[in-house]
Amino acid sequence: MVLDEVIGEGRHTMESLVHFVPNAICRVDAEHVEVSTDSAKMRLYPYRDHSVSACRMTCTRGQNNPIQGWYASRFGERTPNEVLSFSSDLSLPARIGYLIAPASREITSWDAQLSDIGKPIHAEISLSSPQGDLFERFDVRIATSVESIREPGDRDSQG
């Protein structure tokens, strides 16, 4: 899970950008974005705070106005590449982000319970999937998963 926290006041449009390698293909579906390269396929699911009703998801490649979706390996050269945008209109303080999952694991729903904004992040992430439900607990102070509970019958040991 990637999560950005913005402290402040008022209502603002927040945007989280994910830049991919030039050979990546990005496709927006109703509830997630599917990204594939020659060697990997993944799905990104937007984080939705309970107070947020909608998150806009778009993929841009080689756009000039504004300049977005370009990869430059050298000065003076550029190659079109996919850039994924998650954006929402939010009242600050707020969080915006996404969950990354293998495309082989269909996630029907997910939720994250997080500590208050401005405090060290403690996160509990639960997801539902036809391949089995999953629960993870994270503590940012130790930067690793501190507890993982798999439902009985979940044979996918890699998550």
C-alpha atoms as a PDB file:
ATOM      1  CA  MET A   1       0.000   0.000   0.000  1.00  0.00           C
ATOM      2  CA  VAL A   2       1.276   3.456  -0.917  1.00  0.00           C
ATOM      3  CA  LEU A   3      -0.217   6.270   1.112  1.00  0.00           C
ATOM      4  CA  ASP A   4       0.412  10.026   1.037  1.00  0.00           C
ATOM      5  CA  GLU A   5      -0.721  12.222   3.910  1.00  0.00           C
ATOM      6  CA  VAL A   6      -1.404  15.929   3.360  1.00  0.00           C
ATOM      7  CA  ILE A   7      -1.759  18.261   6.335  1.00  0.00           C
ATOM      8  CA  GLY A   8      -3.499  21.625   5.962  1.00  0.00           C
ATOM      9  CA  GLU A   9      -6.911  23.222   5.745  1.00  0.00           C
ATOM     10  CA  GLY A  10      -9.638  23.682   3.174  1.00  0.00           C
ATOM     11  CA  ARG A  11     -10.823  21.583   0.271  1.00  0.00           C
ATOM     12  CA  HIS A  12      -8.334  20.680  -2.476  1.00  0.00           C
ATOM     13  CA  THR A  13      -7.899  18.354  -5.434  1.00  0.00           C
ATOM     14  CA  MET A  14      -5.159  15.876  -4.538  1.00  0.00           C
ATOM     15  CA  GLU A  15      -3.388  13.752  -7.131  1.00  0.00           C
ATOM     16  CA  SER A  16      -1.089  10.746  -6.742  1.00  0.00           C
ATOM     17  CA  LEU A  17       1.013   9.896  -9.824  1.00  0.00           C
ATOM     18  CA  VAL A  18       2.587   6.518 -10.617  1.00  0.00           C
ATOM     19  CA  HIS A  19       5.192   6.503 -13.414  1.00  0.00           C
ATOM     20  CA  PHE A  20       5.817   3.227 -15.247  1.00  0.00           C
ATOM     21  CA  VAL A  21       8.545   1.927 -17.562  1.00  0.00           C
ATOM     22  CA  PRO A  22       8.053   2.726 -21.267  1.00  0.00           C
ATOM     23  CA  ASN A  23       6.861  -0.799 -22.200  1.00  0.00           C
ATOM     24  CA  ALA A  24       4.088  -0.844 -19.552  1.00  0.00           C
ATOM     25  CA  ILE A  25       0.454  -0.865 -20.652  1.00  0.00           C
ATOM     26  CA  CYS A  26      -2.081   0.769 -18.317  1.00  0.00           C
ATOM     27  CA  ARG A  27      -5.837   0.058 -18.470  1.00  0.00           C
ATOM     28  CA  VAL A  28      -8.456   1.671 -16.218  1.00  0.00           C
ATOM     29  CA  ASP A  29     -11.380  -0.508 -15.072  1.00  0.00           C
ATOM     30  CA  ALA A  30     -14.293   0.495 -12.853  1.00  0.00           C
ATOM     31  CA  GLU A  31     -12.645  -0.378  -9.506  1.00  0.00           C
ATOM     32  CA  HIS A  32      -8.929  -0.746 -10.317  1.00  0.00           C
ATOM     33  CA  VAL A  33      -6.187  -0.126 -12.855  1.00  0.00           C
ATOM     34  CA  GLU A  34      -4.450  -3.042 -14.545  1.00  0.00           C
ATOM     35  CA  VAL A  35      -0.794  -2.586 -15.504  1.00  0.00           C
ATOM     36  CA  SER A  36       1.233  -5.084 -17.492  1.00  0.00           C
ATOM     37  CA  THR A  37       4.786  -5.296 -18.771  1.00  0.00           C
ATOM     38  CA  ASP A  38       6.608  -8.091 -20.583  1.00  0.00           C
ATOM     39  CA  SER A  39       7.409  -9.739 -17.238  1.00  0.00           C
ATOM     40  CA  ALA A  40       4.691  -8.717 -14.746  1.00  0.00           C
ATOM     41  CA  LYS A  41       0.993  -7.939 -14.350  1.00  0.00           C
ATOM     42  CA  MET A  42      -0.486  -6.060 -11.414  1.00  0.00           C
ATOM     43  CA  ARG A  43      -3.594  -4.262 -10.283  1.00  0.00           C
ATOM     44  CA  LEU A  44      -3.693  -0.988  -8.394  1.00  0.00           C
ATOM     45  CA  TYR A  45      -6.747  -0.229  -6.266  1.00  0.00           C
ATOM     46  CA  PRO A  46      -7.361   3.362  -5.081  1.00  0.00           C
ATOM     47  CA  TYR A  47      -7.436   4.090  -1.345  1.00  0.00           C
ATOM     48  CA  ARG A  48     -10.810   5.449  -0.401  1.00  0.00           C
ATOM     49  CA  ASP A  49     -11.192   7.121   2.945  1.00  0.00           C
ATOM     50  CA  HIS A  50     -14.698   6.566   4.272  1.00  0.00           C
ATOM     51  CA  SER A  51     -15.433  10.269   3.711  1.00  0.00           C
ATOM     52  CA  VAL A  52     -14.372  10.143   0.030  1.00  0.00           C
ATOM     53  CA  SER A  53     -17.066   9.252  -2.459  1.00  0.00           C
ATOM     54  CA  ALA A  54     -15.032   9.078  -5.679  1.00  0.00           C
ATOM     55  CA  CYS A  55     -11.510   8.721  -6.984  1.00  0.00           C
ATOM     56  CA  ARG A  56     -10.710   9.545 -10.600  1.00  0.00           C
ATOM     57  CA  MET A  57      -8.263   7.174 -12.287  1.00  0.00           C
ATOM     58  CA  THR A  58      -6.606   8.025 -15.602  1.00  0.00           C
ATOM     59  CA  CYS A  59      -3.639   6.765 -17.618  1.00  0.00           C
ATOM     60  CA  THR A  60      -1.666   9.232 -19.731  1.00  0.00           C
ATOM     61  CA  ARG A  61       0.991   8.435 -22.341  1.00  0.00           C
ATOM     62  CA  GLY A  62       3.053  10.985 -24.281  1.00  0.00           C
ATOM     63  CA  GLN A  63       0.884  14.035 -23.591  1.00  0.00           C
ATOM     64  CA  ASN A  64       2.207  17.519 -24.434  1.00  0.00           C
ATOM     65  CA  ASN A  65      -0.271  19.883 -22.772  1.00  0.00           C
ATOM     66  CA  PRO A  66       0.472  19.595 -19.922  1.00  0.00           C
ATOM     67  CA  ILE A  67       3.677  17.584 -20.432  1.00  0.00           C
ATOM     68  CA  GLN A  68       3.036  14.180 -18.869  1.00  0.00           C
ATOM     69  CA  GLY A  69       3.837  10.587 -19.744  1.00  0.00           C
ATOM     70  CA  TRP A  70       7.404  10.778 -20.973  1.00  0.00           C
ATOM     71  CA  TYR A  71      10.579   8.897 -20.010  1.00  0.00           C
ATOM     72  CA  ALA A  72      13.990  10.461 -20.709  1.00  0.00           C
ATOM     73  CA  SER A  73      16.983   8.141 -20.492  1.00  0.00           C
ATOM     74  CA  ARG A  74      19.279  10.825 -21.963  1.00  0.00           C
ATOM     75  CA  PHE A  75      19.282  14.564 -22.471  1.00  0.00           C
ATOM     76  CA  GLY A  76      17.310  15.501 -25.583  1.00  0.00           C
ATOM     77  CA  GLU A  77      15.616  12.108 -25.970  1.00  0.00           C
ATOM     78  CA  ARG A  78      12.230  11.074 -24.716  1.00  0.00           C
ATOM     79  CA  THR A  79      10.062   7.994 -25.001  1.00  0.00           C
ATOM     80  CA  PRO A  80       6.311   7.887 -24.244  1.00  0.00           C
ATOM     81  CA  ASN A  81       5.482   6.001 -21.062  1.00  0.00           C
ATOM     82  CA  GLU A  82       2.355   5.391 -18.985  1.00  0.00           C
ATOM     83  CA  VAL A  83       1.610   7.641 -16.014  1.00  0.00           C
ATOM     84  CA  LEU A  84      -1.289   6.667 -13.776  1.00  0.00           C
ATOM     85  CA  SER A  85      -3.159   9.350 -11.839  1.00  0.00           C
ATOM     86  CA  PHE A  86      -5.403   8.833  -8.828  1.00  0.00           C
ATOM     87  CA  SER A  87      -7.159  12.106  -7.927  1.00  0.00           C
ATOM     88  CA  SER A  88      -9.859  13.141  -5.468  1.00  0.00           C
ATOM     89  CA  ASP A  89     -11.396  16.330  -4.111  1.00  0.00           C
ATOM     90  CA  LEU A  90     -10.668  16.204  -0.390  1.00  0.00           C
ATOM     91  CA  SER A  91     -10.926  18.279   2.755  1.00  0.00           C
ATOM     92  CA  LEU A  92      -7.570  18.542   4.513  1.00  0.00           C
ATOM     93  CA  PRO A  93      -6.029  16.924   6.399  1.00  0.00           C
ATOM     94  CA  ALA A  94      -6.414  13.876   4.138  1.00  0.00           C
ATOM     95  CA  ARG A  95      -4.788  10.766   2.693  1.00  0.00           C
ATOM     96  CA  ILE A  96      -4.563   9.546  -0.898  1.00  0.00           C
ATOM     97  CA  GLY A  97      -2.943   6.393  -2.224  1.00  0.00           C
ATOM     98  CA  TYR A  98      -3.392   2.908  -3.618  1.00  0.00           C
ATOM     99  CA  LEU A  99      -2.951  -0.798  -2.995  1.00  0.00           C
ATOM    100  CA  ILE A 100      -0.734  -2.839  -5.349  1.00  0.00           C
ATOM    101  CA  ALA A 101      -1.696  -6.494  -5.893  1.00  0.00           C
ATOM    102  CA  PRO A 102      -0.750  -9.210  -8.363  1.00  0.00           C
ATOM    103  CA  ALA A 103      -3.201  -9.345 -11.282  1.00  0.00           C
ATOM    104  CA  SER A 104      -3.693 -13.050 -10.561  1.00  0.00           C
ATOM    105  CA  ARG A 105      -5.386 -12.170  -7.244  1.00  0.00           C
ATOM    106  CA  GLU A 106      -8.838 -10.703  -7.859  1.00  0.00           C
ATOM    107  CA  ILE A 107      -9.694  -8.374  -4.981  1.00  0.00           C
ATOM    108  CA  THR A 108     -13.421  -7.867  -4.538  1.00  0.00           C
ATOM    109  CA  SER A 109     -13.045  -5.372  -1.664  1.00  0.00           C
ATOM    110  CA  TRP A 110     -10.417  -3.991   0.675  1.00  0.00           C
ATOM    111  CA  ASP A 111     -10.225  -1.673   3.642  1.00  0.00           C
ATOM    112  CA  ALA A 112      -7.481  -0.001   5.644  1.00  0.00           C
ATOM    113  CA  GLN A 113      -7.839   1.107   9.251  1.00  0.00           C
ATOM    114  CA  LEU A 114      -5.161   3.707   9.981  1.00  0.00           C
ATOM    115  CA  SER A 115      -3.950   5.726  12.956  1.00  0.00           C
ATOM    116  CA  ASP A 116      -4.861   9.404  13.132  1.00  0.00           C
ATOM    117  CA  ILE A 117      -3.242  11.752  10.620  1.00  0.00           C
ATOM    118  CA  GLY A 118      -0.007  13.242  11.935  1.00  0.00           C
ATOM    119  CA  LYS A 119       0.787  10.290  14.211  1.00  0.00           C
ATOM    120  CA  PRO A 120       3.074   7.303  13.446  1.00  0.00           C
ATOM    121  CA  ILE A 121       1.163   5.091  11.061  1.00  0.00           C
ATOM    122  CA  HIS A 122      -0.299   1.860  12.331  1.00  0.00           C
ATOM    123  CA  ALA A 123      -2.277   0.163   9.580  1.00  0.00           C
ATOM    124  CA  GLU A 124      -4.585  -2.815   9.457  1.00  0.00           C
ATOM    125  CA  ILE A 125      -5.362  -3.896   5.909  1.00  0.00           C
ATOM    126  CA  SER A 126      -8.044  -6.449   5.142  1.00  0.00           C
ATOM    127  CA  LEU A 127      -9.030  -7.662   1.721  1.00  0.00           C
ATOM    128  CA  SER A 128     -11.577 -10.059   0.303  1.00  0.00           C
ATOM    129  CA  SER A 129     -10.751 -12.253  -2.645  1.00  0.00           C
ATOM    130  CA  PRO A 130     -12.111 -15.434  -4.266  1.00  0.00           C
ATOM    131  CA  GLN A 131      -8.632 -16.878  -3.536  1.00  0.00           C
ATOM    132  CA  GLY A 132      -9.089 -16.236   0.214  1.00  0.00           C
ATOM    133  CA  ASP A 133      -9.327 -13.304   2.597  1.00  0.00           C
ATOM    134  CA  LEU A 134      -6.218 -11.656   4.028  1.00  0.00           C
ATOM    135  CA  PHE A 135      -5.468  -9.485   7.056  1.00  0.00           C
ATOM    136  CA  GLU A 136      -2.167  -7.637   7.585  1.00  0.00           C
ATOM    137  CA  ARG A 137      -1.098  -5.396  10.457  1.00  0.00           C
ATOM    138  CA  PHE A 138       1.774  -2.940   9.929  1.00  0.00           C
ATOM    139  CA  ASP A 139       3.661  -0.631  12.270  1.00  0.00           C
ATOM    140  CA  VAL A 140       5.679   2.099  10.522  1.00  0.00           C
ATOM    141  CA  ARG A 141       8.183   2.276  13.389  1.00  0.00           C
ATOM    142  CA  ILE A 142       9.533  -1.169  12.495  1.00  0.00           C
ATOM    143  CA  ALA A 143       8.692  -0.878   8.757  1.00  0.00           C
ATOM    144  CA  THR A 144       7.577  -4.482   8.366  1.00  0.00           C
ATOM    145  CA  SER A 145       4.453  -6.520   8.773  1.00  0.00           C
ATOM    146  CA  VAL A 146       4.060  -7.425  12.443  1.00  0.00           C
ATOM    147  CA  GLU A 147       1.181  -9.825  12.032  1.00  0.00           C
ATOM    148  CA  SER A 148      -0.303 -11.758   9.159  1.00  0.00           C
ATOM    149  CA  ILE A 149      -3.437 -13.836   9.501  1.00  0.00           C
ATOM    150  CA  ARG A 150      -4.696 -15.953   6.610  1.00  0.00           C
ATOM    151  CA  GLU A 151      -8.134 -17.421   6.547  1.00  0.00           C
ATOM    152  CA  PRO A 152      -8.373 -21.239   6.660  1.00  0.00           C
ATOM    153  CA  GLY A 153      -8.138 -22.727   3.193  1.00  0.00           C
ATOM    154  CA  ASP A 154      -6.069 -19.895   1.721  1.00  0.00           C
ATOM    155  CA  ARG A 155      -3.436 -21.852  -0.198  1.00  0.00           C
ATOM    156  CA  ASP A 156      -1.727 -18.835  -1.773  1.00  0.00           C
ATOM    157  CA  SER A 157       1.206 -18.412   0.614  1.00  0.00           C
ATOM    158  CA  GLN A 158       2.704 -15.549  -1.428  1.00  0.00           C
ATOM    159  CA  GLY A 159      -0.258 -13.177  -0.943  1.00  0.00           C
END
